[in-house]
Amino acid sequence: LAQMPQIVVVNKLDVWDESGGEDWERGLKTRLDRDELEKQLKEAMPHTRLMWMSAKERNGVDDLMVRMNAFVKKVKDSSS
């Protein structure tokens, strides 16, 4: 399973946007900025497809669904 292609989704992009989010989210600090997180994830999982999204704002949700559909179809076709 660890060697199979994966899709890793980083959610909560709206939290990185300081101007957006709920009142309680404003001022939250992250340990890593987006570029550093992406770098570390790609180093740890070079075979993985990395996606960014905000389910709350619906950013990246459609792209995720399209990629998941293609991914499932590819896996089904390869096992036939």
C-alpha atoms as a PDB file:
ATOM      1  CA  LEU A   1       0.000   0.000   0.000  1.00  0.00           C
ATOM      2  CA  ALA A   2       2.820   2.418   0.817  1.00  0.00           C
ATOM      3  CA  GLN A   3       4.196   2.030  -2.708  1.00  0.00           C
ATOM      4  CA  MET A   4       0.897   2.747  -4.434  1.00  0.00           C
ATOM      5  CA  PRO A   5       0.279   6.210  -5.858  1.00  0.00           C
ATOM      6  CA  GLN A   6      -1.508   8.487  -3.441  1.00  0.00           C
ATOM      7  CA  ILE A   7      -3.239  11.816  -3.425  1.00  0.00           C
ATOM      8  CA  VAL A   8      -2.496  13.914  -0.363  1.00  0.00           C
ATOM      9  CA  VAL A   9      -4.852  16.820   0.199  1.00  0.00           C
ATOM     10  CA  VAL A  10      -3.913  19.746   2.402  1.00  0.00           C
ATOM     11  CA  ASN A  11      -7.148  21.349   3.543  1.00  0.00           C
ATOM     12  CA  LYS A  12      -7.846  24.564   5.461  1.00  0.00           C
ATOM     13  CA  LEU A  13      -6.159  26.911   2.994  1.00  0.00           C
ATOM     14  CA  ASP A  14      -8.589  29.587   4.108  1.00  0.00           C
ATOM     15  CA  VAL A  15      -6.813  29.642   7.485  1.00  0.00           C
ATOM     16  CA  TRP A  16      -3.556  30.719   5.796  1.00  0.00           C
ATOM     17  CA  ASP A  17      -5.382  33.716   4.373  1.00  0.00           C
ATOM     18  CA  GLU A  18      -5.216  36.193   7.256  1.00  0.00           C
ATOM     19  CA  SER A  19      -8.067  38.258   5.875  1.00  0.00           C
ATOM     20  CA  GLY A  20     -10.499  35.345   5.715  1.00  0.00           C
ATOM     21  CA  GLY A  21     -11.901  32.818   8.083  1.00  0.00           C
ATOM     22  CA  GLU A  22     -14.044  33.014  11.159  1.00  0.00           C
ATOM     23  CA  ASP A  23     -13.347  35.408  14.032  1.00  0.00           C
ATOM     24  CA  TRP A  24     -11.819  32.639  16.135  1.00  0.00           C
ATOM     25  CA  GLU A  25      -9.418  31.725  13.292  1.00  0.00           C
ATOM     26  CA  ARG A  26      -7.917  35.189  12.903  1.00  0.00           C
ATOM     27  CA  GLY A  27      -4.445  35.508  14.296  1.00  0.00           C
ATOM     28  CA  LEU A  28      -3.719  31.782  14.328  1.00  0.00           C
ATOM     29  CA  LYS A  29      -0.125  31.067  13.429  1.00  0.00           C
ATOM     30  CA  THR A  30       1.113  28.037  11.539  1.00  0.00           C
ATOM     31  CA  ARG A  31       4.444  26.402  12.234  1.00  0.00           C
ATOM     32  CA  LEU A  32       5.309  26.241   8.537  1.00  0.00           C
ATOM     33  CA  ASP A  33       4.428  28.445   5.651  1.00  0.00           C
ATOM     34  CA  ARG A  34       2.856  26.829   2.618  1.00  0.00           C
ATOM     35  CA  ASP A  35       6.109  26.614   0.630  1.00  0.00           C
ATOM     36  CA  GLU A  36       7.983  24.920   3.472  1.00  0.00           C
ATOM     37  CA  LEU A  37       5.138  22.473   4.098  1.00  0.00           C
ATOM     38  CA  GLU A  38       5.000  21.598   0.401  1.00  0.00           C
ATOM     39  CA  LYS A  39       8.775  21.088   0.294  1.00  0.00           C
ATOM     40  CA  GLN A  40       8.734  18.775   3.314  1.00  0.00           C
ATOM     41  CA  LEU A  41       5.767  16.764   2.052  1.00  0.00           C
ATOM     42  CA  LYS A  42       7.328  16.252  -1.377  1.00  0.00           C
ATOM     43  CA  GLU A  43      10.620  15.158   0.197  1.00  0.00           C
ATOM     44  CA  ALA A  44       8.824  12.640   2.418  1.00  0.00           C
ATOM     45  CA  MET A  45       6.443  11.386  -0.294  1.00  0.00           C
ATOM     46  CA  PRO A  46       7.985  11.979  -3.741  1.00  0.00           C
ATOM     47  CA  HIS A  47       5.497   9.665  -5.480  1.00  0.00           C
ATOM     48  CA  THR A  48       2.479  11.435  -4.075  1.00  0.00           C
ATOM     49  CA  ARG A  49       0.169  13.844  -5.821  1.00  0.00           C
ATOM     50  CA  LEU A  50      -0.150  16.845  -3.564  1.00  0.00           C
ATOM     51  CA  MET A  51      -3.230  19.050  -3.720  1.00  0.00           C
ATOM     52  CA  TRP A  52      -4.284  22.161  -1.830  1.00  0.00           C
ATOM     53  CA  MET A  53      -7.859  23.028  -1.039  1.00  0.00           C
ATOM     54  CA  SER A  54     -10.292  24.837   1.177  1.00  0.00           C
ATOM     55  CA  ALA A  55     -13.465  22.801   1.571  1.00  0.00           C
ATOM     56  CA  LYS A  56     -15.053  25.719   3.386  1.00  0.00           C
ATOM     57  CA  GLU A  57     -14.458  28.083   0.458  1.00  0.00           C
ATOM     58  CA  ARG A  58     -14.870  25.250  -2.098  1.00  0.00           C
ATOM     59  CA  ASN A  59     -11.463  26.048  -3.591  1.00  0.00           C
ATOM     60  CA  GLY A  60      -9.923  22.950  -5.147  1.00  0.00           C
ATOM     61  CA  VAL A  61     -12.907  20.687  -4.430  1.00  0.00           C
ATOM     62  CA  ASP A  62     -13.880  20.220  -8.082  1.00  0.00           C
ATOM     63  CA  ASP A  63     -10.253  19.560  -9.047  1.00  0.00           C
ATOM     64  CA  LEU A  64     -10.024  16.946  -6.286  1.00  0.00           C
ATOM     65  CA  MET A  65     -13.156  15.187  -7.544  1.00  0.00           C
ATOM     66  CA  VAL A  66     -11.829  15.123 -11.119  1.00  0.00           C
ATOM     67  CA  ARG A  67      -8.466  13.764  -9.993  1.00  0.00           C
ATOM     68  CA  MET A  68     -10.045  11.165  -7.727  1.00  0.00           C
ATOM     69  CA  ASN A  69     -12.287   9.980 -10.567  1.00  0.00           C
ATOM     70  CA  ALA A  70      -9.295   9.632 -12.911  1.00  0.00           C
ATOM     71  CA  PHE A  71      -7.255   7.931 -10.178  1.00  0.00           C
ATOM     72  CA  VAL A  72      -9.972   5.353  -9.419  1.00  0.00           C
ATOM     73  CA  LYS A  73     -10.496   4.682 -13.134  1.00  0.00           C
ATOM     74  CA  LYS A  74      -6.750   4.147 -13.618  1.00  0.00           C
ATOM     75  CA  VAL A  75      -6.563   1.727 -10.684  1.00  0.00           C
ATOM     76  CA  LYS A  76      -9.626  -0.198 -11.937  1.00  0.00           C
ATOM     77  CA  ASP A  77      -8.198  -0.391 -15.479  1.00  0.00           C
ATOM     78  CA  SER A  78      -4.830  -1.625 -14.247  1.00  0.00           C
ATOM     79  CA  SER A  79      -6.391  -4.393 -12.168  1.00  0.00           C
ATOM     80  CA  SER A  80      -8.523  -5.698 -15.064  1.00  0.00           C
END
